[in-house]
Amino acid sequence: MKAWIFRLLLPAVLVVAGLGSVAWTWALAQHVDQIETAGKQTASRIDRLEAALDQFTHDELVYVASGQIDQEALTSTGNLTRQLISESAWLLGGLVAGSAPSAGEVANGVASLGDVDGRARENIRAGLDLMAADLLFTETTRTRQTLREQLRALRIAESNAVADARATDLKQAWMVLASVAILFAGTLVRSARRPATEAPTSQSFVAPELDHVPLNIAPRPDPAPAVDSIDLMEAAAVCTAISRLRSESDLQPLLARTSNLLQASGVVVWMAAGEEMFPVAWHGYDSKQLSQLGPIGRSSLNAVAEAWRTGTLQSVAGGAGSRSAIVVPMLGIDRCLGVLAIEIAPGREADVPTQAATTLIAAQLSTVLGGWPAGSSMLPAEIVPFERLASSS
């Protein structure tokens, strides 16, 4: 049961893993785009800040050369200072390399500029324009120089942080894709490997005392070769032909086709009558061998009786020099009508396709053979003698 649950859950797990890897990869791609966009915005703001610092230096040179400044130039310089403060705030808020030392130095420099700008505006309101200009140009010289140096360092740190973040995301994407690829590859390898010894417990039941009990019939000496697969189209054709049976004489060719399909050395149809079962049709055995067999009682300790009693598939493993067997019940509406027994090469008794094909043919036989005398509910005294059944086959 656990194997069947695993086989049912595995496709769902693969679908979820595939969809999850796609979603995760898409999210990483979006994150990479965001990081690169943030890096471009940072570079653009650093460019504007450096341009503003260049303009600030130009205004300072004009002021020093002339020794005086007019109200319009002072207003322009104050606006330039506030632009530096505003742009720096946006820059520090969108950094990828927010923990870089240069980011802290830029923040300190901007705070110093803000303090000087506040004092300069107080002097302007008091009409002390030259004193305001001295504050803006003289006291900010060192701060502006530090800002320029730290902006260059911050540009490098931001570029490195963007590259590192991109590399990390790409590495995670490759790891996820590789893990899913390994999962799919492992599944393909597992599905391609045929389980040689696994048989579904829900379909077969072999009692411990029946593991090596023969079917009371001797197989032909030529062993059946191992098969790799069952021809499903031929299995369907055999079942269709069985459904069109008109007489018992038509059953023998179908048993021969069944033997070829399953590559079985022998096939026997056992029908129940009262508390015993009789072989009514066969292929691969001498009639003399089967005619010497007596009926199998319901309480007999062999696979044929066990399949009849329990209504479940039975498999018998062959030993050294002996064949294996699969016995499948032919179930009617209210009882087991008989069994279909096949003799196969050792090791194939646990082959799931062979068990399934045998079960399909047995099920189809039960729909047709239920009307046979041995498949009816007549009492043992009314059963057609085995010799007559054998001769009719």
Protein backbone atom coordinates (compact mmCIF):
# COMPACT_ATOMS: atom_id res chain seq x y z
CA MET A 1 0.00 0.00 0.00
CA LYS A 2 2.83 2.38 0.81
CA ALA A 3 4.31 1.85 -2.66
CA TRP A 4 1.01 2.74 -4.32
CA ILE A 5 0.62 5.85 -2.16
CA PHE A 6 4.16 6.87 -3.10
CA ARG A 7 3.42 6.40 -6.79
CA LEU A 8 0.28 8.54 -6.51
CA LEU A 9 1.95 11.30 -4.52
CA LEU A 10 5.13 11.44 -6.61
CA PRO A 11 3.56 13.21 -9.66
CA ALA A 12 1.97 15.78 -7.34
CA VAL A 13 5.31 16.36 -5.62
CA LEU A 14 7.02 16.81 -8.99
CA VAL A 15 4.38 19.31 -10.16
CA VAL A 16 4.62 21.29 -6.93
CA ALA A 17 8.43 21.25 -7.09
CA GLY A 18 8.39 22.41 -10.70
CA LEU A 19 5.91 25.22 -10.06
CA GLY A 20 7.74 26.22 -6.88
CA SER A 21 11.07 26.43 -8.70
CA VAL A 22 9.51 28.57 -11.42
CA ALA A 23 7.94 30.91 -8.85
CA TRP A 24 11.14 31.14 -6.83
CA THR A 25 13.27 31.80 -9.92
CA TRP A 26 10.83 34.48 -11.08
CA ALA A 27 10.97 36.14 -7.64
CA LEU A 28 14.78 36.10 -7.73
CA ALA A 29 14.74 37.63 -11.20
CA GLN A 30 12.46 40.40 -9.94
CA HIS A 31 14.79 40.98 -7.00
CA VAL A 32 17.79 41.23 -9.32
CA ASP A 33 15.90 43.83 -11.41
CA GLN A 34 15.09 45.83 -8.28
CA ILE A 35 18.70 45.74 -7.12
CA GLU A 36 20.02 46.86 -10.49
CA THR A 37 17.41 49.64 -10.66
CA ALA A 38 18.41 50.80 -7.17
CA GLY A 39 22.07 50.77 -8.23
CA LYS A 40 21.31 52.91 -11.28
CA GLN A 41 19.30 55.38 -9.18
CA THR A 42 22.14 55.61 -6.66
CA ALA A 43 24.67 56.31 -9.41
CA SER A 44 22.38 59.01 -10.87
CA ARG A 45 21.96 60.73 -7.47
CA ILE A 46 25.71 60.61 -6.82
CA ASP A 47 26.21 62.28 -10.22
CA ARG A 48 23.78 65.06 -9.28
CA LEU A 49 25.43 65.54 -5.89
CA GLU A 50 28.87 65.80 -7.46
CA ALA A 51 27.50 68.30 -10.01
CA ALA A 52 26.01 70.35 -7.16
CA LEU A 53 29.33 70.29 -5.30
CA ASP A 54 31.08 71.48 -8.47
CA GLN A 55 28.63 74.36 -8.77
CA PHE A 56 29.12 75.14 -5.08
CA THR A 57 32.90 75.35 -5.64
CA HIS A 58 32.38 77.62 -8.65
CA ASP A 59 30.21 80.01 -6.61
CA GLU A 60 32.82 79.98 -3.86
CA LEU A 61 35.56 81.02 -6.29
CA VAL A 62 33.39 83.87 -7.59
CA TYR A 63 32.71 85.05 -4.06
CA VAL A 64 36.37 84.94 -3.03
CA ALA A 65 37.49 86.74 -6.20
CA SER A 66 34.99 89.57 -5.88
CA GLY A 67 34.94 89.84 -2.08
CA GLN A 68 31.21 90.41 -2.17
CA ILE A 69 28.01 88.65 -3.08
CA ASP A 70 24.60 89.86 -4.18
CA GLN A 71 21.25 88.74 -2.86
CA GLU A 72 20.46 86.65 -5.96
CA ALA A 73 23.75 84.73 -5.76
CA LEU A 74 23.26 84.18 -2.03
CA THR A 75 19.74 82.81 -2.61
CA SER A 76 21.06 80.51 -5.34
CA THR A 77 23.82 79.24 -3.04
CA GLY A 78 21.29 78.58 -0.25
CA ASN A 79 19.10 76.64 -2.66
CA LEU A 80 22.15 74.66 -3.76
CA THR A 81 22.88 73.75 -0.15
CA ARG A 82 19.34 72.55 0.41
CA GLN A 83 19.53 70.54 -2.84
CA LEU A 84 22.64 68.79 -1.51
CA ILE A 85 20.81 67.97 1.72
CA SER A 86 17.67 66.70 -0.08
CA GLU A 87 19.53 64.61 -2.66
CA SER A 88 21.71 63.10 0.04
CA ALA A 89 18.65 62.05 2.04
CA TRP A 90 17.18 60.26 -1.01
CA LEU A 91 20.55 58.71 -1.73
CA LEU A 92 20.99 57.32 1.78
CA GLY A 93 17.42 55.96 1.81
CA GLY A 94 17.84 53.86 -1.36
CA LEU A 95 21.31 52.42 -0.92
CA VAL A 96 22.01 48.73 -1.45
CA ALA A 97 25.28 49.21 0.45
CA GLY A 98 23.57 50.97 3.35
CA SER A 99 26.04 49.59 5.88
CA ALA A 100 29.13 50.87 4.05
CA PRO A 101 31.38 53.22 6.12
CA SER A 102 31.22 55.85 3.38
CA ALA A 103 27.42 56.01 3.80
CA GLY A 104 27.88 57.03 7.43
CA GLU A 105 30.43 59.69 6.48
CA VAL A 106 28.04 61.11 3.88
CA ALA A 107 25.28 61.24 6.51
CA ASN A 108 27.58 63.15 8.93
CA GLY A 109 28.57 65.58 6.20
CA VAL A 110 24.96 66.24 5.24
CA ALA A 111 24.07 66.89 8.90
CA SER A 112 26.92 69.42 9.09
CA LEU A 113 25.68 71.15 5.94
CA GLY A 114 22.20 71.35 7.39
CA ASP A 115 23.52 73.02 10.55
CA VAL A 116 25.47 75.62 8.56
CA ASP A 117 22.49 76.26 6.28
CA GLY A 118 20.27 76.94 9.28
CA ARG A 119 22.68 79.51 10.70
CA ALA A 120 23.16 81.12 7.28
CA ARG A 121 19.42 81.64 6.85
CA GLU A 122 19.23 83.33 10.25
CA ASN A 123 21.92 85.79 9.13
CA ILE A 124 20.10 86.41 5.85
CA ARG A 125 16.91 87.26 7.74
CA ALA A 126 18.96 89.64 9.88
CA GLY A 127 20.35 91.34 6.73
CA LEU A 128 23.88 89.99 7.30
CA ASP A 129 24.39 88.64 3.78
CA LEU A 130 28.20 88.66 3.81
CA MET A 131 28.27 86.80 7.12
CA ALA A 132 25.81 84.25 5.68
CA ALA A 133 28.07 83.85 2.61
CA ASP A 134 31.11 83.36 4.84
CA LEU A 135 29.29 80.62 6.72
CA LEU A 136 28.21 78.86 3.52
CA PHE A 137 31.58 79.01 1.78
CA THR A 138 34.16 79.07 4.55
CA GLU A 139 32.73 76.66 7.11
CA THR A 140 31.58 74.11 4.51
CA THR A 141 34.85 73.86 2.59
CA ARG A 142 36.17 70.91 4.54
CA THR A 143 32.71 69.30 4.70
CA ARG A 144 32.24 69.56 0.94
CA GLN A 145 35.68 68.08 0.29
CA THR A 146 34.88 65.16 2.62
CA LEU A 147 31.52 64.66 0.93
CA ARG A 148 33.18 64.49 -2.49
CA GLU A 149 35.64 61.84 -1.32
CA GLN A 150 32.97 59.76 0.44
CA LEU A 151 30.63 59.96 -2.56
CA ARG A 152 33.34 58.40 -4.70
CA ALA A 153 33.89 55.67 -2.12
CA LEU A 154 30.13 55.16 -1.86
CA ARG A 155 29.83 54.75 -5.64
CA ILE A 156 32.38 51.91 -5.52
CA ALA A 157 30.74 50.30 -2.47
CA GLU A 158 27.29 50.49 -4.10
CA SER A 159 28.58 48.93 -7.31
CA ASN A 160 30.16 46.07 -5.38
CA ALA A 161 27.01 45.54 -3.29
CA VAL A 162 24.83 45.34 -6.40
CA ALA A 163 27.20 42.83 -8.01
CA ASP A 164 27.31 40.71 -4.83
CA ALA A 165 23.52 40.71 -4.46
CA ARG A 166 23.09 39.77 -8.11
CA ALA A 167 25.59 36.92 -7.76
CA THR A 168 23.84 35.64 -4.61
CA ASP A 169 20.42 35.63 -6.27
CA LEU A 170 21.74 33.87 -9.38
CA LYS A 171 23.46 31.27 -7.20
CA GLN A 172 20.20 30.59 -5.35
CA ALA A 173 18.33 30.30 -8.66
CA TRP A 174 20.84 27.77 -9.99
CA MET A 175 20.68 25.79 -6.74
CA VAL A 176 16.88 25.59 -6.92
CA LEU A 177 16.90 24.58 -10.59
CA ALA A 178 19.63 22.01 -9.98
CA SER A 179 17.70 20.50 -7.05
CA VAL A 180 14.53 20.18 -9.13
CA ALA A 181 16.52 18.72 -12.03
CA ILE A 182 18.05 16.12 -9.70
CA LEU A 183 14.58 15.29 -8.34
CA PHE A 184 13.18 14.78 -11.85
CA ALA A 185 16.22 12.75 -12.93
CA GLY A 186 15.95 10.53 -9.87
CA THR A 187 12.27 9.97 -10.58
CA LEU A 188 12.95 9.03 -14.19
CA VAL A 189 15.66 6.59 -13.15
CA ARG A 190 13.39 5.05 -10.52
CA SER A 191 10.46 4.70 -12.93
CA ALA A 192 12.72 3.16 -15.60
CA ARG A 193 14.03 0.53 -13.19
CA ARG A 194 11.75 -2.53 -13.11
CA PRO A 195 11.14 -3.90 -9.59
CA ALA A 196 12.12 -7.55 -9.94
CA THR A 197 10.91 -8.74 -6.57
CA GLU A 198 8.17 -6.30 -5.59
CA ALA A 199 4.58 -7.54 -5.76
CA PRO A 200 1.55 -5.53 -4.58
CA THR A 201 0.24 -6.96 -1.35
CA SER A 202 -3.29 -5.83 -2.18
CA GLN A 203 -3.49 -8.30 -5.09
CA SER A 204 -1.62 -11.35 -3.90
CA PHE A 205 -1.73 -13.41 -0.78
CA VAL A 206 0.55 -16.38 -0.33
CA ALA A 207 0.06 -18.32 2.86
CA PRO A 208 3.36 -19.39 4.49
CA GLU A 209 2.49 -23.05 4.19
CA LEU A 210 1.77 -22.62 0.44
CA ASP A 211 5.04 -21.00 -0.61
CA HIS A 212 6.33 -24.18 -2.26
CA VAL A 213 3.13 -26.18 -2.84
CA PRO A 214 2.86 -27.22 -6.52
CA LEU A 215 -0.30 -27.10 -8.63
CA ASN A 216 -0.45 -30.94 -8.75
CA ILE A 217 0.43 -30.81 -12.47
CA ALA A 218 3.80 -31.21 -14.15
CA PRO A 219 4.90 -28.50 -16.61
CA ARG A 220 6.27 -29.26 -20.01
CA PRO A 221 10.05 -29.67 -20.04
CA ASP A 222 10.75 -26.65 -22.23
CA PRO A 223 11.00 -23.51 -20.03
CA ALA A 224 9.24 -20.33 -21.01
CA PRO A 225 11.59 -17.42 -21.74
CA ALA A 226 11.47 -14.32 -19.60
CA VAL A 227 9.47 -11.36 -20.92
CA ASP A 228 10.13 -7.66 -20.64
CA SER A 229 6.55 -6.51 -21.08
CA ILE A 230 3.02 -7.64 -21.80
CA ASP A 231 1.43 -6.88 -25.18
CA LEU A 232 -1.64 -4.95 -24.02
CA MET A 233 -3.25 -4.97 -27.47
CA GLU A 234 -3.01 -8.76 -27.60
CA ALA A 235 -4.40 -8.97 -24.06
CA ALA A 236 -7.37 -6.85 -25.13
CA ALA A 237 -7.85 -9.03 -28.24
CA VAL A 238 -7.83 -12.22 -26.13
CA CYS A 239 -10.42 -10.76 -23.72
CA THR A 240 -12.59 -9.70 -26.67
CA ALA A 241 -12.37 -13.16 -28.20
CA ILE A 242 -13.31 -14.76 -24.88
CA SER A 243 -16.45 -12.60 -24.69
CA ARG A 244 -17.52 -14.05 -28.09
CA LEU A 245 -17.12 -17.73 -27.15
CA ARG A 246 -19.91 -19.87 -28.57
CA SER A 247 -18.83 -23.34 -27.47
CA GLU A 248 -16.33 -25.09 -25.25
CA SER A 249 -14.33 -26.19 -28.27
CA ASP A 250 -13.49 -22.55 -29.02
CA LEU A 251 -11.77 -22.17 -25.65
CA GLN A 252 -8.72 -24.25 -26.47
CA PRO A 253 -7.28 -21.86 -29.12
CA LEU A 254 -7.80 -18.96 -26.73
CA LEU A 255 -5.83 -20.75 -24.03
CA ALA A 256 -3.03 -21.20 -26.56
CA ARG A 257 -3.10 -17.45 -27.25
CA THR A 258 -3.12 -16.80 -23.51
CA SER A 259 -0.05 -19.02 -23.12
CA ASN A 260 1.78 -17.10 -25.86
CA LEU A 261 0.73 -13.72 -24.43
CA LEU A 262 1.93 -14.54 -20.91
CA GLN A 263 4.78 -16.77 -22.15
CA ALA A 264 3.49 -19.48 -19.84
CA SER A 265 4.49 -23.10 -20.27
CA GLY A 266 1.05 -24.22 -19.15
CA VAL A 267 -2.46 -22.82 -18.64
CA VAL A 268 -5.29 -24.59 -16.80
CA VAL A 269 -8.89 -23.54 -16.20
CA TRP A 270 -10.27 -25.08 -12.97
CA MET A 271 -14.03 -24.94 -12.38
CA ALA A 272 -15.74 -25.38 -9.02
CA ALA A 273 -18.55 -27.86 -8.40
CA GLY A 274 -19.78 -28.31 -4.87
CA GLU A 275 -16.74 -28.61 -2.60
CA GLU A 276 -14.29 -29.66 -5.33
CA MET A 277 -12.60 -28.19 -8.40
CA PHE A 278 -11.92 -29.90 -11.72
CA PRO A 279 -9.60 -28.98 -14.63
CA VAL A 280 -11.96 -28.39 -17.56
CA ALA A 281 -9.62 -26.86 -20.16
CA TRP A 282 -5.86 -26.55 -20.51
CA HIS A 283 -2.95 -25.85 -22.78
CA GLY A 284 0.65 -27.02 -22.52
CA TYR A 285 -0.02 -30.29 -20.71
CA ASP A 286 -0.65 -33.83 -21.86
CA SER A 287 -4.27 -34.89 -21.53
CA LYS A 288 -3.05 -38.13 -19.96
CA GLN A 289 -1.38 -36.18 -17.15
CA LEU A 290 -4.50 -34.19 -16.30
CA SER A 291 -6.84 -37.16 -16.68
CA GLN A 292 -4.89 -38.91 -13.92
CA LEU A 293 -5.52 -36.05 -11.48
CA GLY A 294 -8.38 -36.22 -9.08
CA PRO A 295 -10.42 -33.14 -8.08
CA ILE A 296 -9.00 -30.56 -5.69
CA GLY A 297 -11.00 -30.12 -2.52
CA ARG A 298 -11.77 -26.73 -1.00
CA SER A 299 -9.64 -27.52 2.07
CA SER A 300 -6.60 -28.69 0.09
CA LEU A 301 -3.29 -27.09 0.95
CA ASN A 302 -2.23 -25.72 -2.41
CA ALA A 303 -2.40 -22.45 -4.30
CA VAL A 304 -5.41 -23.49 -6.44
CA ALA A 305 -7.55 -24.23 -3.40
CA GLU A 306 -6.31 -21.12 -1.59
CA ALA A 307 -7.25 -18.86 -4.52
CA TRP A 308 -10.69 -20.53 -4.62
CA ARG A 309 -11.27 -20.17 -0.86
CA THR A 310 -10.06 -16.58 -0.46
CA GLY A 311 -10.91 -15.13 -3.87
CA THR A 312 -7.47 -13.55 -4.07
CA LEU A 313 -4.54 -13.91 -6.43
CA GLN A 314 -1.93 -16.45 -5.35
CA SER A 315 1.69 -16.68 -6.49
CA VAL A 316 4.05 -19.61 -5.99
CA ALA A 317 7.79 -19.14 -6.29
CA GLY A 318 9.63 -21.90 -8.11
CA GLY A 319 12.74 -23.49 -6.73
CA ALA A 320 15.72 -25.18 -8.33
CA GLY A 321 14.48 -27.12 -11.36
CA SER A 322 10.82 -26.14 -10.82
CA ARG A 323 8.51 -23.57 -12.35
CA SER A 324 6.68 -20.68 -10.69
CA ALA A 325 2.92 -20.20 -10.83
CA ILE A 326 0.22 -17.55 -10.68
CA VAL A 327 -3.33 -18.58 -9.71
CA VAL A 328 -6.14 -16.05 -10.20
CA PRO A 329 -9.76 -16.58 -9.03
CA MET A 330 -12.61 -16.31 -11.53
CA LEU A 331 -15.15 -14.39 -9.48
CA GLY A 332 -18.87 -14.38 -10.13
CA ILE A 333 -21.52 -12.18 -8.60
CA ASP A 334 -21.91 -14.17 -5.39
CA ARG A 335 -19.11 -16.78 -5.40
CA CYS A 336 -15.83 -17.87 -6.90
CA LEU A 337 -16.58 -19.94 -10.04
CA GLY A 338 -13.08 -21.34 -10.42
CA VAL A 339 -9.49 -20.31 -11.03
CA LEU A 340 -7.11 -19.69 -13.89
CA ALA A 341 -3.63 -21.14 -13.23
CA ILE A 342 -0.51 -20.50 -15.29
CA GLU A 343 3.01 -21.93 -15.03
CA ILE A 344 5.80 -19.42 -15.76
CA ALA A 345 9.55 -19.03 -15.46
CA PRO A 346 10.97 -18.68 -11.93
CA GLY A 347 10.98 -15.09 -10.71
CA ARG A 348 8.08 -13.94 -12.87
CA GLU A 349 5.43 -14.83 -10.29
CA ALA A 350 5.96 -11.34 -8.78
CA ASP A 351 5.87 -9.50 -12.13
CA VAL A 352 3.04 -6.97 -11.84
CA PRO A 353 2.17 -6.73 -15.59
CA THR A 354 1.95 -10.54 -15.80
CA GLN A 355 -0.29 -10.67 -12.70
CA ALA A 356 -2.50 -7.89 -14.11
CA ALA A 357 -2.90 -9.52 -17.55
CA THR A 358 -3.71 -12.89 -15.95
CA THR A 359 -6.31 -11.20 -13.74
CA LEU A 360 -7.96 -9.52 -16.74
CA ILE A 361 -8.22 -12.79 -18.66
CA ALA A 362 -9.59 -14.62 -15.58
CA ALA A 363 -12.21 -11.90 -15.08
CA GLN A 364 -13.30 -12.21 -18.71
CA LEU A 365 -13.46 -16.00 -18.46
CA SER A 366 -15.71 -15.75 -15.40
CA THR A 367 -18.34 -13.82 -17.41
CA VAL A 368 -18.48 -16.59 -20.04
CA LEU A 369 -17.83 -19.80 -18.11
CA GLY A 370 -20.35 -19.09 -15.35
CA GLY A 371 -22.96 -20.92 -17.44
CA TRP A 372 -20.88 -24.09 -17.81
CA PRO A 373 -22.11 -27.13 -15.90
CA ALA A 374 -19.11 -27.11 -13.59
CA GLY A 375 -19.66 -23.43 -12.92
CA SER A 376 -23.28 -23.84 -11.89
CA SER A 377 -24.62 -24.48 -8.43
CA MET A 378 -25.55 -28.18 -9.03
CA LEU A 379 -24.81 -30.72 -6.36
CA PRO A 380 -21.73 -33.00 -6.62
CA ALA A 381 -23.91 -35.97 -7.66
CA GLU A 382 -25.12 -34.00 -10.68
CA ILE A 383 -21.64 -32.92 -11.85
CA VAL A 384 -20.63 -34.04 -15.32
CA PRO A 385 -17.88 -36.66 -14.90
CA PHE A 386 -14.36 -35.38 -15.35
CA GLU A 387 -13.71 -37.84 -18.17
CA ARG A 388 -16.53 -36.31 -20.20
CA LEU A 389 -15.29 -32.80 -19.57
CA ALA A 390 -11.78 -33.79 -20.56
CA SER A 391 -12.95 -35.45 -23.76
CA SER A 392 -15.07 -32.43 -24.67
CA SER A 393 -12.01 -30.17 -24.33
